[in-house]
Amino acid sequence: QRPELMLNLAAIYARTGRVAEARALYADVLQRDGVDLELGDGSDVSSH
């Protein structure tokens, strides 16, 4: 259920042409409670 794993995997899917799989993971994240995640630049952003 970890959104950071789903989001990173969705990004990989998007970059490798697996758009349907990426879309499904992004949709799955949106169906869960939003959480704040730290981006690589140190800023915080909602998983949603």
All heavy atoms as atom14 arrays in JSON, in Angstrom:
{
  "sequence": "QRPELMLNLAAIYARTGRVAEARALYADVLQRDGVDLELGDGSDVSSH",
  "atom14_mask": [
    [1, 1, 1, 1, 1, 1, 1, 1, 1, 0, 0, 0, 0, 0],
    [1, 1, 1, 1, 1, 1, 1, 1, 1, 1, 1, 0, 0, 0],
    [1, 1, 1, 1, 1, 1, 1, 0, 0, 0, 0, 0, 0, 0],
    [1, 1, 1, 1, 1, 1, 1, 1, 1, 0, 0, 0, 0, 0],
    [1, 1, 1, 1, 1, 1, 1, 1, 0, 0, 0, 0, 0, 0],
    [1, 1, 1, 1, 1, 1, 1, 1, 0, 0, 0, 0, 0, 0],
    [1, 1, 1, 1, 1, 1, 1, 1, 0, 0, 0, 0, 0, 0],
    [1, 1, 1, 1, 1, 1, 1, 1, 0, 0, 0, 0, 0, 0],
    [1, 1, 1, 1, 1, 1, 1, 1, 0, 0, 0, 0, 0, 0],
    [1, 1, 1, 1, 1, 0, 0, 0, 0, 0, 0, 0, 0, 0],
    [1, 1, 1, 1, 1, 0, 0, 0, 0, 0, 0, 0, 0, 0],
    [1, 1, 1, 1, 1, 1, 1, 1, 0, 0, 0, 0, 0, 0],
    [1, 1, 1, 1, 1, 1, 1, 1, 1, 1, 1, 1, 0, 0],
    [1, 1, 1, 1, 1, 0, 0, 0, 0, 0, 0, 0, 0, 0],
    [1, 1, 1, 1, 1, 1, 1, 1, 1, 1, 1, 0, 0, 0],
    [1, 1, 1, 1, 1, 1, 1, 0, 0, 0, 0, 0, 0, 0],
    [1, 1, 1, 1, 0, 0, 0, 0, 0, 0, 0, 0, 0, 0],
    [1, 1, 1, 1, 1, 1, 1, 1, 1, 1, 1, 0, 0, 0],
    [1, 1, 1, 1, 1, 1, 1, 0, 0, 0, 0, 0, 0, 0],
    [1, 1, 1, 1, 1, 0, 0, 0, 0, 0, 0, 0, 0, 0],
    [1, 1, 1, 1, 1, 1, 1, 1, 1, 0, 0, 0, 0, 0],
    [1, 1, 1, 1, 1, 0, 0, 0, 0, 0, 0, 0, 0, 0],
    [1, 1, 1, 1, 1, 1, 1, 1, 1, 1, 1, 0, 0, 0],
    [1, 1, 1, 1, 1, 0, 0, 0, 0, 0, 0, 0, 0, 0],
    [1, 1, 1, 1, 1, 1, 1, 1, 0, 0, 0, 0, 0, 0],
    [1, 1, 1, 1, 1, 1, 1, 1, 1, 1, 1, 1, 0, 0],
    [1, 1, 1, 1, 1, 0, 0, 0, 0, 0, 0, 0, 0, 0],
    [1, 1, 1, 1, 1, 1, 1, 1, 0, 0, 0, 0, 0, 0],
    [1, 1, 1, 1, 1, 1, 1, 0, 0, 0, 0, 0, 0, 0],
    [1, 1, 1, 1, 1, 1, 1, 1, 0, 0, 0, 0, 0, 0],
    [1, 1, 1, 1, 1, 1, 1, 1, 1, 0, 0, 0, 0, 0],
    [1, 1, 1, 1, 1, 1, 1, 1, 1, 1, 1, 0, 0, 0],
    [1, 1, 1, 1, 1, 1, 1, 1, 0, 0, 0, 0, 0, 0],
    [1, 1, 1, 1, 0, 0, 0, 0, 0, 0, 0, 0, 0, 0],
    [1, 1, 1, 1, 1, 1, 1, 0, 0, 0, 0, 0, 0, 0],
    [1, 1, 1, 1, 1, 1, 1, 1, 0, 0, 0, 0, 0, 0],
    [1, 1, 1, 1, 1, 1, 1, 1, 0, 0, 0, 0, 0, 0],
    [1, 1, 1, 1, 1, 1, 1, 1, 1, 0, 0, 0, 0, 0],
    [1, 1, 1, 1, 1, 1, 1, 1, 0, 0, 0, 0, 0, 0],
    [1, 1, 1, 1, 0, 0, 0, 0, 0, 0, 0, 0, 0, 0],
    [1, 1, 1, 1, 1, 1, 1, 1, 0, 0, 0, 0, 0, 0],
    [1, 1, 1, 1, 0, 0, 0, 0, 0, 0, 0, 0, 0, 0],
    [1, 1, 1, 1, 1, 1, 0, 0, 0, 0, 0, 0, 0, 0],
    [1, 1, 1, 1, 1, 1, 1, 1, 0, 0, 0, 0, 0, 0],
    [1, 1, 1, 1, 1, 1, 1, 0, 0, 0, 0, 0, 0, 0],
    [1, 1, 1, 1, 1, 1, 0, 0, 0, 0, 0, 0, 0, 0],
    [1, 1, 1, 1, 1, 1, 0, 0, 0, 0, 0, 0, 0, 0],
    [1, 1, 1, 1, 1, 1, 1, 1, 1, 1, 0, 0, 0, 0]
  ],
  "atom14_positions": [
    [[0.79, -1.22, 0.0], [0.0, 0.0, 0.0], [0.83, 1.28, 0.0], [0.28, 2.37, 0.08], [-0.92, 0.03, 1.23], [-1.74, -1.22, 1.41], [-2.66, -1.5, 0.25], [-3.36, -0.61, -0.21], [-2.67, -2.71, -0.25], [0.0, 0.0, 0.0], [0.0, 0.0, 0.0], [0.0, 0.0, 0.0], [0.0, 0.0, 0.0], [0.0, 0.0, 0.0]],
    [[2.16, 1.2, -0.09], [3.01, 2.38, 0.02], [2.93, 3.24, -1.24], [3.32, 2.8, -2.33], [4.47, 1.98, 0.26], [4.73, 1.14, 1.5], [4.68, 1.89, 2.8], [5.7, 2.9, 2.94], [6.84, 2.74, 3.59], [7.14, 1.58, 4.15], [7.68, 3.73, 3.69], [0.0, 0.0, 0.0], [0.0, 0.0, 0.0], [0.0, 0.0, 0.0]],
    [[2.42, 4.47, -1.12], [2.24, 5.3, -2.31], [3.55, 5.65, -3.01], [3.59, 5.76, -4.23], [1.54, 6.55, -1.79], [1.84, 6.58, -0.34], [1.98, 5.15, 0.08], [0.0, 0.0, 0.0], [0.0, 0.0, 0.0], [0.0, 0.0, 0.0], [0.0, 0.0, 0.0], [0.0, 0.0, 0.0], [0.0, 0.0, 0.0], [0.0, 0.0, 0.0]],
    [[4.64, 5.81, -2.26], [5.91, 6.15, -2.9], [6.39, 5.03, -3.81], [6.97, 5.3, -4.86], [6.99, 6.52, -1.86], [7.42, 5.4, -0.96], [6.54, 5.19, 0.26], [5.45, 5.78, 0.34], [6.95, 4.41, 1.14], [0.0, 0.0, 0.0], [0.0, 0.0, 0.0], [0.0, 0.0, 0.0], [0.0, 0.0, 0.0], [0.0, 0.0, 0.0]],
    [[6.07, 3.8, -3.46], [6.44, 2.68, -4.33], [5.55, 2.64, -5.57], [6.03, 2.44, -6.68], [6.34, 1.36, -3.55], [7.29, 1.22, -2.35], [6.98, -0.05, -1.57], [8.74, 1.27, -2.78], [0.0, 0.0, 0.0], [0.0, 0.0, 0.0], [0.0, 0.0, 0.0], [0.0, 0.0, 0.0], [0.0, 0.0, 0.0], [0.0, 0.0, 0.0]],
    [[4.25, 2.87, -5.36], [3.33, 2.87, -6.5], [3.67, 4.01, -7.46], [3.65, 3.82, -8.69], [1.89, 3.0, -6.01], [1.37, 1.75, -5.34], [-0.39, 1.86, -4.94], [-0.32, 2.62, -3.34], [0.0, 0.0, 0.0], [0.0, 0.0, 0.0], [0.0, 0.0, 0.0], [0.0, 0.0, 0.0], [0.0, 0.0, 0.0], [0.0, 0.0, 0.0]],
    [[3.99, 5.18, -6.92], [4.29, 6.33, -7.78], [5.59, 6.14, -8.55], [5.67, 6.45, -9.74], [4.34, 7.6, -6.93], [2.99, 8.05, -6.38], [3.17, 9.11, -5.31], [2.08, 8.54, -7.49], [0.0, 0.0, 0.0], [0.0, 0.0, 0.0], [0.0, 0.0, 0.0], [0.0, 0.0, 0.0], [0.0, 0.0, 0.0], [0.0, 0.0, 0.0]],
    [[6.6, 5.62, -7.88], [7.86, 5.39, -8.59], [7.7, 4.32, -9.66], [8.24, 4.44, -10.76], [8.97, 5.03, -7.61], [9.53, 6.24, -6.9], [9.19, 7.36, -7.19], [10.41, 6.0, -5.95], [0.0, 0.0, 0.0], [0.0, 0.0, 0.0], [0.0, 0.0, 0.0], [0.0, 0.0, 0.0], [0.0, 0.0, 0.0], [0.0, 0.0, 0.0]],
    [[6.96, 3.28, -9.34], [6.72, 2.24, -10.34], [5.9, 2.78, -11.51], [6.17, 2.47, -12.67], [6.03, 1.03, -9.7], [5.89, -0.2, -10.57], [7.24, -0.68, -11.1], [5.2, -1.31, -9.78], [0.0, 0.0, 0.0], [0.0, 0.0, 0.0], [0.0, 0.0, 0.0], [0.0, 0.0, 0.0], [0.0, 0.0, 0.0], [0.0, 0.0, 0.0]],
    [[4.92, 3.61, -11.21], [4.13, 4.23, -12.28], [5.03, 5.07, -13.19], [4.86, 5.05, -14.42], [3.01, 5.1, -11.69], [0.0, 0.0, 0.0], [0.0, 0.0, 0.0], [0.0, 0.0, 0.0], [0.0, 0.0, 0.0], [0.0, 0.0, 0.0], [0.0, 0.0, 0.0], [0.0, 0.0, 0.0], [0.0, 0.0, 0.0], [0.0, 0.0, 0.0]],
    [[5.97, 5.79, -12.59], [6.9, 6.6, -13.4], [7.74, 5.71, -14.31], [7.97, 6.05, -15.46], [7.79, 7.43, -12.48], [0.0, 0.0, 0.0], [0.0, 0.0, 0.0], [0.0, 0.0, 0.0], [0.0, 0.0, 0.0], [0.0, 0.0, 0.0], [0.0, 0.0, 0.0], [0.0, 0.0, 0.0], [0.0, 0.0, 0.0], [0.0, 0.0, 0.0]],
    [[8.18, 4.58, -13.78], [8.97, 3.64, -14.59], [8.1, 3.1, -15.74], [8.54, 3.05, -16.88], [9.51, 2.49, -13.72], [10.58, 3.02, -12.76], [10.07, 1.37, -14.6], [10.97, 2.04, -11.67], [0.0, 0.0, 0.0], [0.0, 0.0, 0.0], [0.0, 0.0, 0.0], [0.0, 0.0, 0.0], [0.0, 0.0, 0.0], [0.0, 0.0, 0.0]],
    [[6.88, 2.71, -15.4], [5.98, 2.22, -16.44], [5.76, 3.27, -17.53], [5.79, 2.96, -18.72], [4.63, 1.81, -15.85], [4.63, 0.53, -15.06], [3.58, 0.23, -14.21], [5.67, -0.4, -15.15], [3.55, -0.95, -13.48], [5.64, -1.58, -14.42], [4.58, -1.85, -13.59], [4.54, -3.01, -12.87], [0.0, 0.0, 0.0], [0.0, 0.0, 0.0]],
    [[5.55, 4.51, -17.12], [5.33, 5.58, -18.1], [6.55, 5.76, -18.99], [6.42, 5.91, -20.2], [5.0, 6.88, -17.38], [0.0, 0.0, 0.0], [0.0, 0.0, 0.0], [0.0, 0.0, 0.0], [0.0, 0.0, 0.0], [0.0, 0.0, 0.0], [0.0, 0.0, 0.0], [0.0, 0.0, 0.0], [0.0, 0.0, 0.0], [0.0, 0.0, 0.0]],
    [[7.71, 5.7, -18.41], [8.95, 5.9, -19.17], [9.27, 4.73, -20.1], [10.05, 4.88, -21.03], [10.13, 6.1, -18.21], [10.07, 7.42, -17.49], [11.22, 7.54, -16.56], [11.14, 8.78, -15.81], [12.09, 9.22, -15.04], [13.2, 8.53, -14.88], [11.94, 10.35, -14.39], [0.0, 0.0, 0.0], [0.0, 0.0, 0.0], [0.0, 0.0, 0.0]],
    [[8.69, 3.58, -19.81], [8.98, 2.4, -20.62], [7.79, 2.0, -21.49], [7.7, 0.87, -21.96], [9.43, 1.22, -19.73], [8.42, 0.95, -18.75], [10.75, 1.52, -19.04], [0.0, 0.0, 0.0], [0.0, 0.0, 0.0], [0.0, 0.0, 0.0], [0.0, 0.0, 0.0], [0.0, 0.0, 0.0], [0.0, 0.0, 0.0], [0.0, 0.0, 0.0]],
    [[6.86, 2.95, -21.69], [5.77, 2.73, -22.62], [4.62, 1.88, -22.11], [3.75, 1.5, -22.9], [0.0, 0.0, 0.0], [0.0, 0.0, 0.0], [0.0, 0.0, 0.0], [0.0, 0.0, 0.0], [0.0, 0.0, 0.0], [0.0, 0.0, 0.0], [0.0, 0.0, 0.0], [0.0, 0.0, 0.0], [0.0, 0.0, 0.0], [0.0, 0.0, 0.0]],
    [[4.57, 1.61, -20.84], [3.47, 0.81, -20.28], [2.44, 1.76, -19.66], [2.26, 1.81, -18.45], [4.01, -0.2, -19.27], [4.9, -1.24, -19.95], [5.54, -2.18, -18.97], [6.73, -1.52, -18.41], [7.46, -2.04, -17.45], [7.15, -3.2, -16.91], [8.52, -1.39, -17.01], [0.0, 0.0, 0.0], [0.0, 0.0, 0.0], [0.0, 0.0, 0.0]],
    [[1.77, 2.48, -20.54], [0.88, 3.56, -20.13], [-0.31, 3.04, -19.32], [-0.69, 3.64, -18.31], [0.41, 4.37, -21.36], [-0.62, 5.4, -20.99], [1.62, 5.0, -22.04], [0.0, 0.0, 0.0], [0.0, 0.0, 0.0], [0.0, 0.0, 0.0], [0.0, 0.0, 0.0], [0.0, 0.0, 0.0], [0.0, 0.0, 0.0], [0.0, 0.0, 0.0]],
    [[-0.91, 1.95, -19.72], [-2.07, 1.42, -19.0], [-1.7, 1.03, -17.58], [-2.46, 1.3, -16.64], [-2.65, 0.22, -19.74], [0.0, 0.0, 0.0], [0.0, 0.0, 0.0], [0.0, 0.0, 0.0], [0.0, 0.0, 0.0], [0.0, 0.0, 0.0], [0.0, 0.0, 0.0], [0.0, 0.0, 0.0], [0.0, 0.0, 0.0], [0.0, 0.0, 0.0]],
    [[-0.53, 0.42, -17.41], [-0.08, 0.03, -16.08], [0.22, 1.26, -15.22], [-0.12, 1.3, -14.03], [1.16, -0.87, -16.16], [0.9, -2.24, -16.76], [1.09, -2.27, -18.28], [0.99, -1.21, -18.94], [1.3, -3.37, -18.81], [0.0, 0.0, 0.0], [0.0, 0.0, 0.0], [0.0, 0.0, 0.0], [0.0, 0.0, 0.0], [0.0, 0.0, 0.0]],
    [[0.83, 2.27, -15.83], [1.11, 3.52, -15.11], [-0.2, 4.17, -14.67], [-0.35, 4.58, -13.52], [1.92, 4.47, -15.98], [0.0, 0.0, 0.0], [0.0, 0.0, 0.0], [0.0, 0.0, 0.0], [0.0, 0.0, 0.0], [0.0, 0.0, 0.0], [0.0, 0.0, 0.0], [0.0, 0.0, 0.0], [0.0, 0.0, 0.0], [0.0, 0.0, 0.0]],
    [[-1.14, 4.26, -15.6], [-2.44, 4.86, -15.31], [-3.13, 4.14, -14.14], [-3.7, 4.78, -13.25], [-3.32, 4.85, -16.56], [-4.58, 5.66, -16.43], [-5.39, 5.64, -17.74], [-4.62, 6.04, -18.9], [-4.31, 7.28, -19.22], [-4.69, 8.26, -18.44], [-3.62, 7.56, -20.32], [0.0, 0.0, 0.0], [0.0, 0.0, 0.0], [0.0, 0.0, 0.0]],
    [[-3.07, 2.82, -14.13], [-3.72, 2.05, -13.06], [-3.08, 2.34, -11.7], [-3.8, 2.46, -10.69], [-3.63, 0.55, -13.38], [0.0, 0.0, 0.0], [0.0, 0.0, 0.0], [0.0, 0.0, 0.0], [0.0, 0.0, 0.0], [0.0, 0.0, 0.0], [0.0, 0.0, 0.0], [0.0, 0.0, 0.0], [0.0, 0.0, 0.0], [0.0, 0.0, 0.0]],
    [[-1.76, 2.45, -11.66], [-1.1, 2.76, -10.39], [-1.42, 4.17, -9.91], [-1.68, 4.38, -8.72], [0.41, 2.56, -10.51], [0.88, 1.11, -10.48], [2.36, 1.03, -10.83], [0.61, 0.49, -9.11], [0.0, 0.0, 0.0], [0.0, 0.0, 0.0], [0.0, 0.0, 0.0], [0.0, 0.0, 0.0], [0.0, 0.0, 0.0], [0.0, 0.0, 0.0]],
    [[-1.42, 5.13, -10.82], [-1.78, 6.5, -10.43], [-3.21, 6.53, -9.89], [-3.5, 7.16, -8.87], [-1.63, 7.47, -11.6], [-0.21, 7.78, -11.98], [0.19, 7.76, -13.31], [0.74, 8.11, -11.02], [1.5, 8.07, -13.68], [2.05, 8.42, -11.37], [2.42, 8.39, -12.71], [3.71, 8.69, -13.05], [0.0, 0.0, 0.0], [0.0, 0.0, 0.0]],
    [[-4.12, 5.83, -10.55], [-5.52, 5.77, -10.09], [-5.61, 5.11, -8.72], [-6.4, 5.55, -7.86], [-6.38, 5.02, -11.11], [0.0, 0.0, 0.0], [0.0, 0.0, 0.0], [0.0, 0.0, 0.0], [0.0, 0.0, 0.0], [0.0, 0.0, 0.0], [0.0, 0.0, 0.0], [0.0, 0.0, 0.0], [0.0, 0.0, 0.0], [0.0, 0.0, 0.0]],
    [[-4.82, 4.08, -8.5], [-4.8, 3.39, -7.2], [-4.36, 4.35, -6.09], [-4.96, 4.38, -5.02], [-3.87, 2.18, -7.27], [-4.07, 1.22, -6.12], [-5.01, 1.39, -5.33], [-3.26, 0.28, -6.01], [0.0, 0.0, 0.0], [0.0, 0.0, 0.0], [0.0, 0.0, 0.0], [0.0, 0.0, 0.0], [0.0, 0.0, 0.0], [0.0, 0.0, 0.0]],
    [[-3.34, 5.15, -6.35], [-2.88, 6.13, -5.36], [-4.0, 7.11, -5.05], [-4.23, 7.46, -3.87], [-1.62, 6.88, -5.86], [-1.3, 8.07, -4.97], [-0.43, 5.93, -5.93], [0.0, 0.0, 0.0], [0.0, 0.0, 0.0], [0.0, 0.0, 0.0], [0.0, 0.0, 0.0], [0.0, 0.0, 0.0], [0.0, 0.0, 0.0], [0.0, 0.0, 0.0]],
    [[-4.74, 7.54, -6.05], [-5.81, 8.51, -5.85], [-6.98, 7.95, -5.05], [-7.73, 8.71, -4.43], [-6.29, 9.06, -7.19], [-5.3, 9.97, -7.9], [-5.78, 10.29, -9.31], [-5.05, 11.24, -7.1], [0.0, 0.0, 0.0], [0.0, 0.0, 0.0], [0.0, 0.0, 0.0], [0.0, 0.0, 0.0], [0.0, 0.0, 0.0], [0.0, 0.0, 0.0]],
    [[-7.14, 6.64, -5.05], [-8.23, 6.03, -4.3], [-7.89, 5.84, -2.82], [-8.76, 5.53, -2.03], [-8.61, 4.69, -4.93], [-9.26, 4.88, -6.27], [-9.78, 3.58, -6.85], [-9.86, 2.57, -6.17], [-10.13, 3.59, -8.11], [0.0, 0.0, 0.0], [0.0, 0.0, 0.0], [0.0, 0.0, 0.0], [0.0, 0.0, 0.0], [0.0, 0.0, 0.0]],
    [[-6.66, 6.06, -2.46], [-6.22, 5.92, -1.06], [-6.12, 7.3, -0.43], [-6.16, 8.31, -1.12], [-4.85, 5.24, -1.02], [-4.88, 3.87, -1.67], [-3.5, 3.25, -1.76], [-3.53, 2.08, -2.59], [-4.05, 0.91, -2.22], [-4.56, 0.77, -1.02], [-4.04, -0.12, -3.04], [0.0, 0.0, 0.0], [0.0, 0.0, 0.0], [0.0, 0.0, 0.0]],
    [[-5.97, 7.32, 0.87], [-5.76, 8.6, 1.56], [-4.48, 9.23, 1.05], [-3.48, 8.54, 0.84], [-5.66, 8.39, 3.07], [-6.97, 7.98, 3.7], [-8.03, 8.25, 3.11], [-6.94, 7.39, 4.8], [0.0, 0.0, 0.0], [0.0, 0.0, 0.0], [0.0, 0.0, 0.0], [0.0, 0.0, 0.0], [0.0, 0.0, 0.0], [0.0, 0.0, 0.0]],
    [[-4.51, 10.54, 0.85], [-3.33, 11.26, 0.43], [-2.32, 11.36, 1.57], [-2.71, 11.48, 2.74], [0.0, 0.0, 0.0], [0.0, 0.0, 0.0], [0.0, 0.0, 0.0], [0.0, 0.0, 0.0], [0.0, 0.0, 0.0], [0.0, 0.0, 0.0], [0.0, 0.0, 0.0], [0.0, 0.0, 0.0], [0.0, 0.0, 0.0], [0.0, 0.0, 0.0]],
    [[-1.06, 11.29, 1.23], [0.0, 11.46, 2.22], [1.03, 12.42, 1.64], [1.18, 12.53, 0.42], [0.68, 10.13, 2.6], [-0.3, 9.18, 3.27], [1.3, 9.46, 1.39], [0.0, 0.0, 0.0], [0.0, 0.0, 0.0], [0.0, 0.0, 0.0], [0.0, 0.0, 0.0], [0.0, 0.0, 0.0], [0.0, 0.0, 0.0], [0.0, 0.0, 0.0]],
    [[1.73, 13.13, 2.52], [2.8, 14.02, 2.07], [4.05, 13.2, 1.83], [4.43, 12.36, 2.65], [3.09, 15.09, 3.11], [2.02, 16.17, 3.14], [1.3, 16.33, 2.13], [1.92, 16.85, 4.17], [0.0, 0.0, 0.0], [0.0, 0.0, 0.0], [0.0, 0.0, 0.0], [0.0, 0.0, 0.0], [0.0, 0.0, 0.0], [0.0, 0.0, 0.0]],
    [[4.67, 13.44, 0.7], [5.9, 12.75, 0.32], [6.98, 13.79, 0.06], [6.69, 14.88, -0.42], [5.68, 11.91, -0.94], [4.65, 10.8, -0.81], [4.33, 10.2, -2.16], [5.14, 9.73, 0.15], [0.0, 0.0, 0.0], [0.0, 0.0, 0.0], [0.0, 0.0, 0.0], [0.0, 0.0, 0.0], [0.0, 0.0, 0.0], [0.0, 0.0, 0.0]],
    [[8.2, 13.44, 0.37], [9.32, 14.34, 0.14], [9.93, 14.07, -1.22], [10.32, 12.95, -1.53], [10.37, 14.15, 1.22], [11.54, 15.1, 1.11], [12.59, 14.87, 2.16], [12.29, 14.27, 3.21], [13.74, 15.27, 1.93], [0.0, 0.0, 0.0], [0.0, 0.0, 0.0], [0.0, 0.0, 0.0], [0.0, 0.0, 0.0], [0.0, 0.0, 0.0]],
    [[10.03, 15.11, -2.02], [10.64, 14.98, -3.33], [12.15, 15.04, -3.2], [12.69, 15.44, -2.17], [10.15, 16.09, -4.25], [8.65, 16.13, -4.51], [8.31, 17.25, -5.47], [8.13, 14.81, -5.01], [0.0, 0.0, 0.0], [0.0, 0.0, 0.0], [0.0, 0.0, 0.0], [0.0, 0.0, 0.0], [0.0, 0.0, 0.0], [0.0, 0.0, 0.0]],
    [[12.83, 14.66, -4.25], [14.29, 14.65, -4.25], [14.89, 16.01, -3.97], [16.01, 16.12, -3.47], [0.0, 0.0, 0.0], [0.0, 0.0, 0.0], [0.0, 0.0, 0.0], [0.0, 0.0, 0.0], [0.0, 0.0, 0.0], [0.0, 0.0, 0.0], [0.0, 0.0, 0.0], [0.0, 0.0, 0.0], [0.0, 0.0, 0.0], [0.0, 0.0, 0.0]],
    [[14.14, 17.09, -4.26], [14.66, 18.43, -4.0], [14.36, 18.91, -2.58], [14.65, 20.04, -2.22], [14.09, 19.43, -5.02], [12.58, 19.63, -4.89], [11.94, 19.1, -3.96], [12.02, 20.34, -5.75], [0.0, 0.0, 0.0], [0.0, 0.0, 0.0], [0.0, 0.0, 0.0], [0.0, 0.0, 0.0], [0.0, 0.0, 0.0], [0.0, 0.0, 0.0]],
    [[13.76, 18.02, -1.77], [13.47, 18.34, -0.37], [12.1, 18.93, -0.11], [11.69, 19.08, 1.03], [0.0, 0.0, 0.0], [0.0, 0.0, 0.0], [0.0, 0.0, 0.0], [0.0, 0.0, 0.0], [0.0, 0.0, 0.0], [0.0, 0.0, 0.0], [0.0, 0.0, 0.0], [0.0, 0.0, 0.0], [0.0, 0.0, 0.0], [0.0, 0.0, 0.0]],
    [[11.35, 19.26, -1.15], [10.01, 19.8, -0.96], [9.01, 18.68, -0.68], [9.24, 17.52, -1.05], [9.57, 20.61, -2.18], [9.49, 19.78, -3.32], [0.0, 0.0, 0.0], [0.0, 0.0, 0.0], [0.0, 0.0, 0.0], [0.0, 0.0, 0.0], [0.0, 0.0, 0.0], [0.0, 0.0, 0.0], [0.0, 0.0, 0.0], [0.0, 0.0, 0.0]],
    [[7.93, 19.03, -0.01], [6.87, 18.07, 0.29], [5.7, 18.27, -0.67], [5.31, 19.4, -0.94], [6.36, 18.25, 1.72], [7.38, 17.84, 2.76], [8.25, 17.02, 2.44], [7.3, 18.34, 3.89], [0.0, 0.0, 0.0], [0.0, 0.0, 0.0], [0.0, 0.0, 0.0], [0.0, 0.0, 0.0], [0.0, 0.0, 0.0], [0.0, 0.0, 0.0]],
    [[5.15, 17.16, -1.16], [4.02, 17.21, -2.08], [3.08, 16.06, -1.73], [3.52, 14.97, -1.36], [4.49, 17.09, -3.55], [3.32, 17.07, -4.5], [5.43, 18.21, -3.91], [0.0, 0.0, 0.0], [0.0, 0.0, 0.0], [0.0, 0.0, 0.0], [0.0, 0.0, 0.0], [0.0, 0.0, 0.0], [0.0, 0.0, 0.0], [0.0, 0.0, 0.0]],
    [[1.81, 16.29, -1.9], [0.8, 15.26, -1.65], [0.92, 14.13, -2.68], [1.14, 14.39, -3.87], [-0.6, 15.89, -1.74], [-1.59, 14.9, -1.9], [0.0, 0.0, 0.0], [0.0, 0.0, 0.0], [0.0, 0.0, 0.0], [0.0, 0.0, 0.0], [0.0, 0.0, 0.0], [0.0, 0.0, 0.0], [0.0, 0.0, 0.0], [0.0, 0.0, 0.0]],
    [[0.73, 12.92, -2.22], [0.74, 11.77, -3.14], [-0.34, 11.94, -4.2], [-0.16, 11.54, -5.36], [0.54, 10.47, -2.37], [-0.68, 10.49, -1.63], [0.0, 0.0, 0.0], [0.0, 0.0, 0.0], [0.0, 0.0, 0.0], [0.0, 0.0, 0.0], [0.0, 0.0, 0.0], [0.0, 0.0, 0.0], [0.0, 0.0, 0.0], [0.0, 0.0, 0.0]],
    [[-1.46, 12.57, -3.84], [-2.54, 12.79, -4.8], [-2.11, 13.77, -5.9], [-2.41, 13.56, -7.07], [-3.79, 13.31, -4.1], [-4.52, 12.25, -3.37], [-5.72, 12.47, -2.74], [-4.24, 10.94, -3.14], [-6.16, 11.36, -2.17], [-5.26, 10.42, -2.41], [0.0, 0.0, 0.0], [0.0, 0.0, 0.0], [0.0, 0.0, 0.0], [0.0, 0.0, 0.0]]
  ]
}
